[in-house]
């Protein structure tokens, strides 16, 4: 009887872990595909809206900095989406829905304003710090898009609604000035995903050894002559 109970409990926790894993990670290929398509479609809209609202784009200093910033930004957004998905598994119905919408409002605001901030030459850490400090404004800005994409039960319909409405938010983000309120406490919602991203990049980047040190290591030692 004890063996049956332990086996049942084991399968219960295994099923729960699998549901959490697949429920959180299925969004990864969808996000990569939609991100690639949206970057081709919406980049011109963001550039034209910036030129019309502000002027000539500044951009980041060089191409390598731009590529590194974009790669790190994609990883941050992807991990933040997974974090938002995991919040849905909190066993309190009203709390999990509220926290999920809270995450998505900030995510859509970051996604909308990022076209403007990159053109202004802001690096990723400055963009995240500004978003977390002025979170009341950005929650209100991203709330309509979060509600529009959350309402359909089918993710295909939700993606279509996003693709139709999102250009309006890019234009609004370029023309809007965030209302900053002194005394706001930063939320630090991105601190976990930033830490995970730093670990991933540190593990994936291996510093090459200096050629001089390699030659010294592989240089055969000369035998000592006996007198």
Protein backbone atom coordinates (compact mmCIF):
# COMPACT_ATOMS: atom_id res chain seq x y z
CA UNK A 1 0.00 0.00 0.00
CA UNK A 2 2.88 2.35 0.83
CA UNK A 3 4.54 1.50 -2.50
CA UNK A 4 1.33 2.33 -4.38
CA UNK A 5 1.01 5.68 -2.62
CA UNK A 6 4.63 6.63 -3.33
CA UNK A 7 4.27 5.67 -7.00
CA UNK A 8 1.08 7.71 -7.35
CA UNK A 9 2.73 10.71 -5.73
CA UNK A 10 5.77 10.33 -7.98
CA UNK A 11 3.61 10.28 -11.13
CA UNK A 12 1.64 13.28 -9.85
CA UNK A 13 4.78 15.41 -9.46
CA UNK A 14 6.22 14.14 -12.74
CA UNK A 15 3.03 15.10 -14.60
CA UNK A 16 3.04 18.50 -12.93
CA UNK A 17 6.68 19.13 -13.93
CA UNK A 18 6.00 18.09 -17.53
CA UNK A 19 2.96 20.37 -17.71
CA UNK A 20 5.01 23.28 -16.39
CA UNK A 21 7.84 22.57 -18.82
CA UNK A 22 5.79 22.19 -21.98
CA UNK A 23 3.35 24.91 -20.98
CA UNK A 24 6.22 27.36 -20.60
CA UNK A 25 8.54 26.34 -23.43
CA UNK A 26 6.06 25.97 -26.29
CA UNK A 27 6.15 29.75 -26.70
CA UNK A 28 9.88 29.76 -27.61
CA UNK A 29 9.62 28.76 -31.31
CA UNK A 30 6.52 30.95 -31.71
CA UNK A 31 8.33 33.96 -30.26
CA UNK A 32 11.43 33.42 -32.42
CA UNK A 33 9.33 33.12 -35.58
CA UNK A 34 7.12 36.11 -34.79
CA UNK A 35 10.15 38.16 -33.72
CA UNK A 36 11.92 37.54 -37.01
CA UNK A 37 8.82 38.40 -39.06
CA UNK A 38 7.96 41.45 -36.96
CA UNK A 39 11.50 42.81 -37.16
CA UNK A 40 11.23 42.80 -40.96
CA UNK A 41 7.76 44.31 -41.03
CA UNK A 42 7.94 46.85 -38.22
CA UNK A 43 11.52 48.15 -38.39
CA UNK A 44 10.69 50.53 -41.23
CA UNK A 45 7.64 51.77 -39.33
CA UNK A 46 9.75 52.46 -36.25
CA UNK A 47 12.45 54.28 -38.23
CA UNK A 48 9.98 56.45 -40.13
CA UNK A 49 8.01 57.27 -36.98
CA UNK A 50 11.22 58.27 -35.19
CA UNK A 51 12.33 60.51 -38.06
CA UNK A 52 8.93 62.21 -38.16
CA UNK A 53 8.56 62.64 -34.37
CA UNK A 54 12.12 63.29 -33.22
CA UNK A 55 14.55 63.58 -36.10
CA UNK A 56 17.67 61.81 -37.29
CA UNK A 57 18.39 58.54 -35.45
CA UNK A 58 21.56 58.32 -33.37
CA UNK A 59 21.76 54.57 -32.94
CA UNK A 60 24.32 52.53 -31.05
CA UNK A 61 28.05 53.26 -31.57
CA UNK A 62 29.03 50.38 -33.87
CA UNK A 63 27.73 47.23 -35.52
CA UNK A 64 29.19 44.81 -32.97
CA UNK A 65 27.54 46.70 -30.09
CA UNK A 66 24.24 46.72 -31.98
CA UNK A 67 24.37 42.96 -32.63
CA UNK A 68 25.33 42.15 -29.04
CA UNK A 69 22.58 44.43 -27.72
CA UNK A 70 19.96 42.85 -29.98
CA UNK A 71 20.97 39.29 -29.06
CA UNK A 72 20.91 40.08 -25.36
CA UNK A 73 17.58 41.88 -25.73
CA UNK A 74 15.99 38.91 -27.52
CA UNK A 75 17.18 36.55 -24.79
CA UNK A 76 15.90 38.88 -22.05
CA UNK A 77 12.47 39.16 -23.69
CA UNK A 78 12.26 35.41 -24.26
CA UNK A 79 13.10 34.60 -20.63
CA UNK A 80 10.68 37.27 -19.45
CA UNK A 81 7.90 35.64 -21.47
CA UNK A 82 8.70 32.30 -19.83
CA UNK A 83 8.64 34.00 -16.43
CA UNK A 84 5.23 35.47 -17.23
CA UNK A 85 3.99 32.04 -18.31
CA UNK A 86 5.23 30.43 -15.08
CA UNK A 87 3.36 33.04 -13.03
CA UNK A 88 0.11 31.58 -14.40
CA UNK A 89 0.73 28.40 -12.36
CA UNK A 90 0.35 30.19 -9.03
CA UNK A 91 -2.65 28.42 -7.43
CA UNK A 92 -4.54 31.65 -6.73
CA UNK A 93 -6.87 32.50 -9.67
CA UNK A 94 -7.08 36.29 -9.37
CA UNK A 95 -3.44 36.74 -8.37
CA UNK A 96 -1.97 34.69 -11.23
CA UNK A 97 -4.06 36.46 -13.87
CA UNK A 98 -3.15 39.88 -12.46
CA UNK A 99 0.58 39.09 -12.34
CA UNK A 100 0.46 37.70 -15.88
CA UNK A 101 -1.19 40.86 -17.21
CA UNK A 102 1.30 42.90 -15.18
CA UNK A 103 4.19 41.13 -16.92
CA UNK A 104 2.64 41.43 -20.38
CA UNK A 105 1.97 45.16 -19.98
CA UNK A 106 5.64 45.77 -19.26
CA UNK A 107 6.70 43.40 -22.04
CA UNK A 108 4.57 45.11 -24.69
CA UNK A 109 5.69 48.54 -23.51
CA UNK A 110 9.33 47.49 -23.80
CA UNK A 111 8.65 46.01 -27.22
CA UNK A 112 6.89 49.20 -28.39
CA UNK A 113 9.36 51.74 -27.03
CA UNK A 114 12.47 49.75 -27.95
CA UNK A 115 12.30 50.99 -31.55
CA UNK A 116 12.56 54.55 -30.22
CA UNK A 117 15.16 53.90 -27.52
CA UNK A 118 17.53 52.05 -29.84
CA UNK A 119 17.32 54.93 -32.31
CA UNK A 120 18.20 57.25 -29.41
CA UNK A 121 21.31 55.18 -28.68
CA UNK A 122 20.14 53.78 -25.32
CA UNK A 123 21.80 50.47 -24.36
CA UNK A 124 19.71 47.66 -22.95
CA UNK A 125 20.49 48.27 -19.27
CA UNK A 126 19.35 51.89 -19.61
CA UNK A 127 16.12 50.83 -21.34
CA UNK A 128 15.28 48.28 -18.63
CA UNK A 129 16.15 50.69 -15.81
CA UNK A 130 13.92 53.39 -17.31
CA UNK A 131 11.07 50.90 -17.76
CA UNK A 132 11.30 49.54 -14.21
CA UNK A 133 11.57 53.02 -12.66
CA UNK A 134 8.55 54.43 -14.50
CA UNK A 135 6.47 51.26 -14.32
CA UNK A 136 3.06 52.92 -13.62
CA UNK A 137 3.14 54.72 -16.97
CA UNK A 138 4.29 51.68 -18.93
CA UNK A 139 1.70 49.39 -17.34
CA UNK A 140 -0.99 51.78 -18.51
CA UNK A 141 0.60 52.04 -21.94
CA UNK A 142 0.79 48.29 -22.48
CA UNK A 143 -2.57 47.41 -20.93
CA UNK A 144 -4.72 47.80 -24.11
CA UNK A 145 -2.43 45.60 -26.19
CA UNK A 146 -2.20 43.04 -23.38
CA UNK A 147 -5.98 42.85 -23.16
CA UNK A 148 -6.38 42.59 -26.95
CA UNK A 149 -3.96 39.67 -27.21
CA UNK A 150 -5.21 37.97 -24.03
CA UNK A 151 -8.91 37.98 -24.93
CA UNK A 152 -8.85 35.48 -27.88
CA UNK A 153 -8.57 31.86 -26.78
CA UNK A 154 -6.74 30.82 -29.96
CA UNK A 155 -3.08 31.89 -30.12
CA UNK A 156 -3.27 32.24 -33.92
CA UNK A 157 -6.07 34.80 -33.62
CA UNK A 158 -4.13 36.47 -30.81
CA UNK A 159 -1.04 36.73 -33.04
CA UNK A 160 -3.09 38.21 -35.86
CA UNK A 161 -4.59 40.81 -33.53
CA UNK A 162 -1.10 41.67 -32.31
CA UNK A 163 0.25 42.11 -35.85
CA UNK A 164 -2.64 44.41 -36.76
CA UNK A 165 -2.56 46.63 -33.68
CA UNK A 166 1.15 46.69 -32.81
CA UNK A 167 2.23 49.24 -35.50
CA UNK A 168 -0.06 51.78 -33.82
CA UNK A 169 1.80 51.25 -30.56
CA UNK A 170 5.16 51.74 -32.29
CA UNK A 171 3.95 55.08 -33.63
CA UNK A 172 2.48 56.02 -30.24
CA UNK A 173 5.72 55.06 -28.49
CA UNK A 174 7.77 57.31 -30.78
CA UNK A 175 5.46 60.25 -30.22
CA UNK A 176 4.85 59.75 -26.50
CA UNK A 177 6.87 61.12 -23.59
CA UNK A 178 6.77 58.89 -20.54
CA UNK A 179 5.38 60.59 -17.45
CA UNK A 180 8.09 60.27 -14.81
CA UNK A 181 7.11 60.49 -11.14
CA UNK A 182 9.79 61.01 -8.53
CA UNK A 183 9.83 58.55 -5.67
CA UNK A 184 8.75 55.47 -7.63
CA UNK A 185 10.38 52.29 -6.36
CA UNK A 186 11.82 50.22 -9.24
CA UNK A 187 10.08 46.88 -9.64
CA UNK A 188 13.18 44.79 -10.46
CA UNK A 189 11.02 42.31 -12.38
CA UNK A 190 13.77 41.84 -14.95
CA UNK A 191 16.49 41.10 -12.39
CA UNK A 192 15.98 37.32 -12.51
CA UNK A 193 16.05 37.06 -16.30
CA UNK A 194 19.01 39.45 -16.52
CA UNK A 195 20.95 37.25 -14.09
CA UNK A 196 20.11 34.10 -16.07
CA UNK A 197 21.10 35.81 -19.33
CA UNK A 198 24.44 36.88 -17.85
CA UNK A 199 25.13 33.29 -16.80
CA UNK A 200 24.25 31.98 -20.28
CA UNK A 201 26.49 34.48 -22.04
CA UNK A 202 29.38 33.90 -19.64
CA UNK A 203 29.17 30.13 -20.19
CA UNK A 204 28.87 30.44 -23.98
CA UNK A 205 31.76 32.89 -24.44
CA UNK A 206 35.18 31.33 -23.97
CA UNK A 207 38.09 33.66 -23.83
CA UNK A 208 40.76 32.67 -26.34
CA UNK A 209 44.21 32.03 -24.95
CA UNK A 210 46.99 34.34 -25.98
CA UNK A 211 49.20 32.79 -28.70
CA UNK A 212 52.35 33.61 -26.72
CA UNK A 213 51.11 31.60 -23.75
CA UNK A 214 50.21 28.68 -26.03
CA UNK A 215 53.71 28.65 -27.51
CA UNK A 216 55.25 28.75 -24.06
CA UNK A 217 53.09 25.85 -22.89
CA UNK A 218 53.90 23.66 -25.89
CA UNK A 219 57.58 24.57 -26.09
CA UNK A 220 59.62 21.45 -25.20
CA UNK A 221 61.81 21.80 -22.15
CA UNK A 222 65.54 21.63 -22.79
CA UNK A 223 67.43 18.96 -20.89
CA UNK A 224 69.91 20.24 -18.37
CA UNK A 225 73.56 19.48 -19.13
CA UNK A 226 75.53 17.79 -16.39
CA UNK A 227 78.93 19.18 -15.70
